Each structure stands twice: as C-alpha cells, then as structure tokens.
C-alpha cells in the first residue's frame, strides 16, 4: 500500500526538477561554453577569443543602435570574465606567490571599465567610437596575451590536478553570478 503514493511523489519531484532547470537553464546556457572548454585556463582563453570576436563585430557595425546592443554584450562578457578572474584566478595567483602580477592584471581591469565608460559616450560618433575601440582592443590584446602566454601557464604549473579542478569549479561558480 505504501507504494501507491510513490508515482505521484516521483511526478512532483520531476515537475519541481523541470521548474528548477527552467530557472537555471539560461544561466547554464550562458556559462556552458566556458564550463565545457575544460580547465580554467582553456576556458578563459575561449572567453578571450569570444570577446575579440565582439570587438570585430563592433568595429564593423554601421548603425549606432547596433553598436549600442553590441556594446552591452561586450560589457556583459567582460564583466563576467572579470568576476571569474578577480574572484578566483587572481587570488590563486597571489597564493602562488604571484602577487605583483595579479595586482597588475587587476589594475588593467579598471582601465577596461574606463574604456567601456568612454565608448558608451561615443556610440553615436562612428569615427571617434572606432578610434577608441581600436586603442581598447590593442590594450586588451596585450593583457590577454600576457595572461595566456606567461602568467596563466606559470600559475597552472604551480597547481596540482586537484587544485586545478578546484580552481576551475570556483571560476565557473563566479561566472554563473553574472550569467
């Protein structure tokens, strides 16, 4: 007799599970490309590449309305990326004895926000916007190259596989905050 209630309880559980999936589905969809990229360093490199593609679309956009929409996307992508780095990767760098490097990268993020602030004011002026965007891209490419070619490999070398997996989980949790 106790079993007669099981199907309805199981059905309620599945329904609640589907509702929960609906709530987190968008976040997971936004985060999936990062999470599926593998370890934290590969995931961040994939985000760098995606951000540069947004820079290209912004450079090529003719209409100010289109620039505004793409700029919102770029702000979101870079904001999520900054959270992941500032709240997970840079603290791990400091723990690994890379305090000066982490602090310098963190300082760069302040200038990223400055560029985004200035671009917002220039969105209607295509010529000035493209000039500012070009300077921004040059600076951010240098930042990304330093991370990918020098500092992230140095940090990864300092981590054992367990610490790498933990840092990847932590980074993905930070990314979900802004997904």
C-alpha atoms as a PDB file:
ATOM      1  CA  UNK A   1       0.000   0.000   0.000  1.00  0.00           C
ATOM      2  CA  UNK A   2       2.880   2.346   0.741  1.00  0.00           C
ATOM      3  CA  UNK A   3       3.921   2.110  -2.903  1.00  0.00           C
ATOM      4  CA  UNK A   4       0.688   3.654  -4.235  1.00  0.00           C
ATOM      5  CA  UNK A   5       1.903   7.146  -3.299  1.00  0.00           C
ATOM      6  CA  UNK A   6       5.295   6.775  -4.959  1.00  0.00           C
ATOM      7  CA  UNK A   7       4.308   7.624  -8.556  1.00  0.00           C
ATOM      8  CA  UNK A   8       2.676  10.916  -7.534  1.00  0.00           C
ATOM      9  CA  UNK A   9       5.633  11.868  -5.365  1.00  0.00           C
ATOM     10  CA  UNK A  10       8.027  10.965  -8.154  1.00  0.00           C
ATOM     11  CA  UNK A  11       5.921  13.028 -10.549  1.00  0.00           C
ATOM     12  CA  UNK A  12       6.043  16.026  -8.209  1.00  0.00           C
ATOM     13  CA  UNK A  13       9.810  15.638  -7.915  1.00  0.00           C
ATOM     14  CA  UNK A  14      10.231  15.602 -11.681  1.00  0.00           C
ATOM     15  CA  UNK A  15       7.962  18.649 -12.033  1.00  0.00           C
ATOM     16  CA  UNK A  16       9.969  20.563  -9.434  1.00  0.00           C
ATOM     17  CA  UNK A  17      13.166  19.480 -11.162  1.00  0.00           C
ATOM     18  CA  UNK A  18      11.936  20.775 -14.519  1.00  0.00           C
ATOM     19  CA  UNK A  19      10.911  24.107 -12.928  1.00  0.00           C
ATOM     20  CA  UNK A  20      14.352  24.408 -11.334  1.00  0.00           C
ATOM     21  CA  UNK A  21      16.018  23.640 -14.666  1.00  0.00           C
ATOM     22  CA  UNK A  22      13.951  26.399 -16.262  1.00  0.00           C
ATOM     23  CA  UNK A  23      15.245  28.923 -13.724  1.00  0.00           C
ATOM     24  CA  UNK A  24      18.891  27.981 -14.074  1.00  0.00           C
ATOM     25  CA  UNK A  25      18.701  26.983 -17.743  1.00  0.00           C
ATOM     26  CA  UNK A  26      19.547  30.451 -19.054  1.00  0.00           C
ATOM     27  CA  UNK A  27      22.477  30.788 -16.677  1.00  0.00           C
ATOM     28  CA  UNK A  28      23.782  27.363 -17.651  1.00  0.00           C
ATOM     29  CA  UNK A  29      23.347  28.128 -21.350  1.00  0.00           C
ATOM     30  CA  UNK A  30      25.352  31.336 -20.954  1.00  0.00           C
ATOM     31  CA  UNK A  31      28.009  29.585 -18.862  1.00  0.00           C
ATOM     32  CA  UNK A  32      28.176  26.335 -20.862  1.00  0.00           C
ATOM     33  CA  UNK A  33      30.795  27.465 -23.407  1.00  0.00           C
ATOM     34  CA  UNK A  34      33.155  28.326 -20.544  1.00  0.00           C
ATOM     35  CA  UNK A  35      32.358  25.238 -18.482  1.00  0.00           C
ATOM     36  CA  UNK A  36      32.730  22.923 -21.475  1.00  0.00           C
ATOM     37  CA  UNK A  37      36.071  24.401 -22.504  1.00  0.00           C
ATOM     38  CA  UNK A  38      37.907  22.351 -19.860  1.00  0.00           C
ATOM     39  CA  UNK A  39      40.302  23.639 -17.225  1.00  0.00           C
ATOM     40  CA  UNK A  40      40.136  27.264 -16.110  1.00  0.00           C
ATOM     41  CA  UNK A  41      42.975  28.398 -18.390  1.00  0.00           C
ATOM     42  CA  UNK A  42      41.395  26.926 -21.536  1.00  0.00           C
ATOM     43  CA  UNK A  43      38.008  28.354 -20.539  1.00  0.00           C
ATOM     44  CA  UNK A  44      39.425  31.854 -20.059  1.00  0.00           C
ATOM     45  CA  UNK A  45      41.264  31.644 -23.396  1.00  0.00           C
ATOM     46  CA  UNK A  46      37.941  30.721 -25.062  1.00  0.00           C
ATOM     47  CA  UNK A  47      36.330  33.770 -23.435  1.00  0.00           C
ATOM     48  CA  UNK A  48      39.207  35.962 -24.661  1.00  0.00           C
ATOM     49  CA  UNK A  49      38.579  34.733 -28.211  1.00  0.00           C
ATOM     50  CA  UNK A  50      34.821  35.365 -27.902  1.00  0.00           C
ATOM     51  CA  UNK A  51      35.451  38.908 -26.614  1.00  0.00           C
ATOM     52  CA  UNK A  52      37.776  39.686 -29.543  1.00  0.00           C
ATOM     53  CA  UNK A  53      35.054  38.492 -31.941  1.00  0.00           C
ATOM     54  CA  UNK A  54      32.687  41.019 -30.300  1.00  0.00           C
ATOM     55  CA  UNK A  55      35.318  43.728 -30.829  1.00  0.00           C
ATOM     56  CA  UNK A  56      35.345  42.840 -34.550  1.00  0.00           C
ATOM     57  CA  UNK A  57      31.547  42.978 -34.789  1.00  0.00           C
ATOM     58  CA  UNK A  58      31.578  46.360 -33.024  1.00  0.00           C
ATOM     59  CA  UNK A  59      34.268  47.698 -35.364  1.00  0.00           C
ATOM     60  CA  UNK A  60      32.212  46.639 -38.392  1.00  0.00           C
ATOM     61  CA  UNK A  61      28.831  47.903 -37.140  1.00  0.00           C
ATOM     62  CA  UNK A  62      27.463  50.831 -39.123  1.00  0.00           C
ATOM     63  CA  UNK A  63      24.354  51.766 -37.116  1.00  0.00           C
ATOM     64  CA  UNK A  64      24.643  53.385 -33.687  1.00  0.00           C
ATOM     65  CA  UNK A  65      21.732  51.256 -32.421  1.00  0.00           C
ATOM     66  CA  UNK A  66      23.642  48.120 -33.389  1.00  0.00           C
ATOM     67  CA  UNK A  67      26.778  49.482 -31.687  1.00  0.00           C
ATOM     68  CA  UNK A  68      24.766  50.090 -28.510  1.00  0.00           C
ATOM     69  CA  UNK A  69      23.490  46.492 -28.456  1.00  0.00           C
ATOM     70  CA  UNK A  70      26.914  45.007 -29.169  1.00  0.00           C
ATOM     71  CA  UNK A  71      28.492  47.246 -26.530  1.00  0.00           C
ATOM     72  CA  UNK A  72      26.014  45.887 -23.957  1.00  0.00           C
ATOM     73  CA  UNK A  73      27.047  42.360 -24.983  1.00  0.00           C
ATOM     74  CA  UNK A  74      30.728  43.263 -24.674  1.00  0.00           C
ATOM     75  CA  UNK A  75      30.174  44.829 -21.231  1.00  0.00           C
ATOM     76  CA  UNK A  76      28.396  41.671 -20.082  1.00  0.00           C
ATOM     77  CA  UNK A  77      31.046  39.323 -21.483  1.00  0.00           C
ATOM     78  CA  UNK A  78      33.920  41.323 -19.985  1.00  0.00           C
ATOM     79  CA  UNK A  79      32.073  41.803 -16.675  1.00  0.00           C
ATOM     80  CA  UNK A  80      31.538  38.052 -16.299  1.00  0.00           C
ATOM     81  CA  UNK A  81      35.131  37.399 -17.314  1.00  0.00           C
ATOM     82  CA  UNK A  82      36.464  39.972 -14.834  1.00  0.00           C
ATOM     83  CA  UNK A  83      34.449  38.402 -11.993  1.00  0.00           C
ATOM     84  CA  UNK A  84      35.929  34.991 -12.796  1.00  0.00           C
ATOM     85  CA  UNK A  85      39.463  36.334 -12.860  1.00  0.00           C
ATOM     86  CA  UNK A  86      39.218  38.779  -9.940  1.00  0.00           C
ATOM     87  CA  UNK A  87      37.358  36.420  -7.590  1.00  0.00           C
ATOM     88  CA  UNK A  88      39.083  33.140  -8.435  1.00  0.00           C
ATOM     89  CA  UNK A  89      42.159  33.302 -10.676  1.00  0.00           C
ATOM     90  CA  UNK A  90      43.938  36.380  -9.306  1.00  0.00           C
ATOM     91  CA  UNK A  91      43.564  35.269  -5.647  1.00  0.00           C
ATOM     92  CA  UNK A  92      45.019  31.879  -6.669  1.00  0.00           C
ATOM     93  CA  UNK A  93      47.911  33.724  -8.324  1.00  0.00           C
ATOM     94  CA  UNK A  94      48.540  35.667  -5.110  1.00  0.00           C
ATOM     95  CA  UNK A  95      48.522  32.405  -3.112  1.00  0.00           C
ATOM     96  CA  UNK A  96      51.078  31.014  -5.566  1.00  0.00           C
ATOM     97  CA  UNK A  97      53.445  33.940  -4.911  1.00  0.00           C
ATOM     98  CA  UNK A  98      52.388  35.984  -7.954  1.00  0.00           C
ATOM     99  CA  UNK A  99      51.005  38.989  -6.049  1.00  0.00           C
ATOM    100  CA  UNK A 100      52.559  41.758  -8.167  1.00  0.00           C
ATOM    101  CA  UNK A 101      51.406  40.105 -11.403  1.00  0.00           C
ATOM    102  CA  UNK A 102      47.869  39.594 -10.082  1.00  0.00           C
ATOM    103  CA  UNK A 103      47.680  43.190  -8.869  1.00  0.00           C
ATOM    104  CA  UNK A 104      48.848  44.490 -12.267  1.00  0.00           C
ATOM    105  CA  UNK A 105      46.228  42.418 -14.108  1.00  0.00           C
ATOM    106  CA  UNK A 106      43.566  43.599 -11.658  1.00  0.00           C
ATOM    107  CA  UNK A 107      44.598  47.202 -12.329  1.00  0.00           C
ATOM    108  CA  UNK A 108      44.178  46.566 -16.075  1.00  0.00           C
ATOM    109  CA  UNK A 109      40.551  45.655 -15.390  1.00  0.00           C
ATOM    110  CA  UNK A 110      39.982  49.164 -14.059  1.00  0.00           C
ATOM    111  CA  UNK A 111      41.126  50.547 -17.408  1.00  0.00           C
ATOM    112  CA  UNK A 112      38.824  48.110 -19.207  1.00  0.00           C
ATOM    113  CA  UNK A 113      35.916  49.651 -17.282  1.00  0.00           C
ATOM    114  CA  UNK A 114      37.200  53.115 -18.221  1.00  0.00           C
ATOM    115  CA  UNK A 115      37.232  52.223 -21.916  1.00  0.00           C
ATOM    116  CA  UNK A 116      33.691  50.838 -21.681  1.00  0.00           C
ATOM    117  CA  UNK A 117      32.560  54.021 -19.925  1.00  0.00           C
ATOM    118  CA  UNK A 118      34.088  56.211 -22.661  1.00  0.00           C
ATOM    119  CA  UNK A 119      32.759  54.053 -25.514  1.00  0.00           C
ATOM    120  CA  UNK A 120      29.243  54.413 -24.108  1.00  0.00           C
ATOM    121  CA  UNK A 121      29.506  58.185 -24.593  1.00  0.00           C
ATOM    122  CA  UNK A 122      30.860  57.820 -28.159  1.00  0.00           C
ATOM    123  CA  UNK A 123      28.349  55.302 -29.508  1.00  0.00           C
ATOM    124  CA  UNK A 124      26.675  57.843 -31.845  1.00  0.00           C
ATOM    125  CA  UNK A 125      30.007  59.096 -33.267  1.00  0.00           C
ATOM    126  CA  UNK A 126      31.240  56.260 -35.510  1.00  0.00           C
ATOM    127  CA  UNK A 127      34.700  57.732 -36.170  1.00  0.00           C
ATOM    128  CA  UNK A 128      35.534  58.531 -32.540  1.00  0.00           C
ATOM    129  CA  UNK A 129      33.982  55.244 -31.413  1.00  0.00           C
ATOM    130  CA  UNK A 130      36.144  53.199 -33.797  1.00  0.00           C
ATOM    131  CA  UNK A 131      39.299  55.079 -32.766  1.00  0.00           C
ATOM    132  CA  UNK A 132      38.614  54.437 -29.053  1.00  0.00           C
ATOM    133  CA  UNK A 133      37.647  50.814 -29.780  1.00  0.00           C
ATOM    134  CA  UNK A 134      40.907  50.268 -31.670  1.00  0.00           C
ATOM    135  CA  UNK A 135      43.003  51.587 -28.766  1.00  0.00           C
ATOM    136  CA  UNK A 136      40.954  49.433 -26.360  1.00  0.00           C
ATOM    137  CA  UNK A 137      41.469  46.329 -28.475  1.00  0.00           C
ATOM    138  CA  UNK A 138      45.231  46.900 -28.611  1.00  0.00           C
ATOM    139  CA  UNK A 139      45.431  47.219 -24.827  1.00  0.00           C
ATOM    140  CA  UNK A 140      43.165  44.273 -24.107  1.00  0.00           C
ATOM    141  CA  UNK A 141      45.009  42.020 -26.562  1.00  0.00           C
ATOM    142  CA  UNK A 142      48.258  42.748 -24.696  1.00  0.00           C
ATOM    143  CA  UNK A 143      46.534  41.927 -21.391  1.00  0.00           C
ATOM    144  CA  UNK A 144      45.124  38.669 -22.789  1.00  0.00           C
ATOM    145  CA  UNK A 145      48.449  37.644 -24.356  1.00  0.00           C
ATOM    146  CA  UNK A 146      50.293  38.213 -21.075  1.00  0.00           C
ATOM    147  CA  UNK A 147      47.733  36.069 -19.257  1.00  0.00           C
ATOM    148  CA  UNK A 148      47.617  33.257 -21.818  1.00  0.00           C
ATOM    149  CA  UNK A 149      51.313  33.083 -22.756  1.00  0.00           C
ATOM    150  CA  UNK A 150      53.038  33.880 -19.478  1.00  0.00           C
ATOM    151  CA  UNK A 151      51.042  34.197 -16.264  1.00  0.00           C
ATOM    152  CA  UNK A 152      48.363  31.514 -16.578  1.00  0.00           C
ATOM    153  CA  UNK A 153      50.896  28.816 -17.594  1.00  0.00           C
ATOM    154  CA  UNK A 154      53.029  29.850 -14.596  1.00  0.00           C
ATOM    155  CA  UNK A 155      50.028  29.532 -12.253  1.00  0.00           C
ATOM    156  CA  UNK A 156      48.939  26.223 -13.771  1.00  0.00           C
ATOM    157  CA  UNK A 157      52.447  24.823 -13.283  1.00  0.00           C
ATOM    158  CA  UNK A 158      52.162  25.693  -9.578  1.00  0.00           C
ATOM    159  CA  UNK A 159      48.890  23.755  -9.181  1.00  0.00           C
ATOM    160  CA  UNK A 160      48.409  20.006  -8.815  1.00  0.00           C
ATOM    161  CA  UNK A 161      45.483  18.376 -10.710  1.00  0.00           C
ATOM    162  CA  UNK A 162      43.207  18.560  -7.647  1.00  0.00           C
ATOM    163  CA  UNK A 163      43.907  22.298  -7.183  1.00  0.00           C
ATOM    164  CA  UNK A 164      43.360  22.879 -10.921  1.00  0.00           C
ATOM    165  CA  UNK A 165      39.954  21.150 -10.762  1.00  0.00           C
ATOM    166  CA  UNK A 166      39.002  23.128  -7.636  1.00  0.00           C
ATOM    167  CA  UNK A 167      40.019  26.424  -9.263  1.00  0.00           C
ATOM    168  CA  UNK A 168      38.027  25.549 -12.406  1.00  0.00           C
ATOM    169  CA  UNK A 169      34.912  24.867 -10.285  1.00  0.00           C
ATOM    170  CA  UNK A 170      35.402  28.084  -8.361  1.00  0.00           C
ATOM    171  CA  UNK A 171      35.841  30.099 -11.554  1.00  0.00           C
ATOM    172  CA  UNK A 172      32.679  28.585 -13.069  1.00  0.00           C
ATOM    173  CA  UNK A 173      30.724  29.462  -9.900  1.00  0.00           C
ATOM    174  CA  UNK A 174      31.868  33.074 -10.236  1.00  0.00           C
ATOM    175  CA  UNK A 175      30.830  33.101 -13.907  1.00  0.00           C
ATOM    176  CA  UNK A 176      27.336  31.920 -13.001  1.00  0.00           C
ATOM    177  CA  UNK A 177      26.843  35.040 -10.854  1.00  0.00           C
ATOM    178  CA  UNK A 178      26.687  37.180 -13.998  1.00  0.00           C
ATOM    179  CA  UNK A 179      25.357  34.615 -16.459  1.00  0.00           C
END
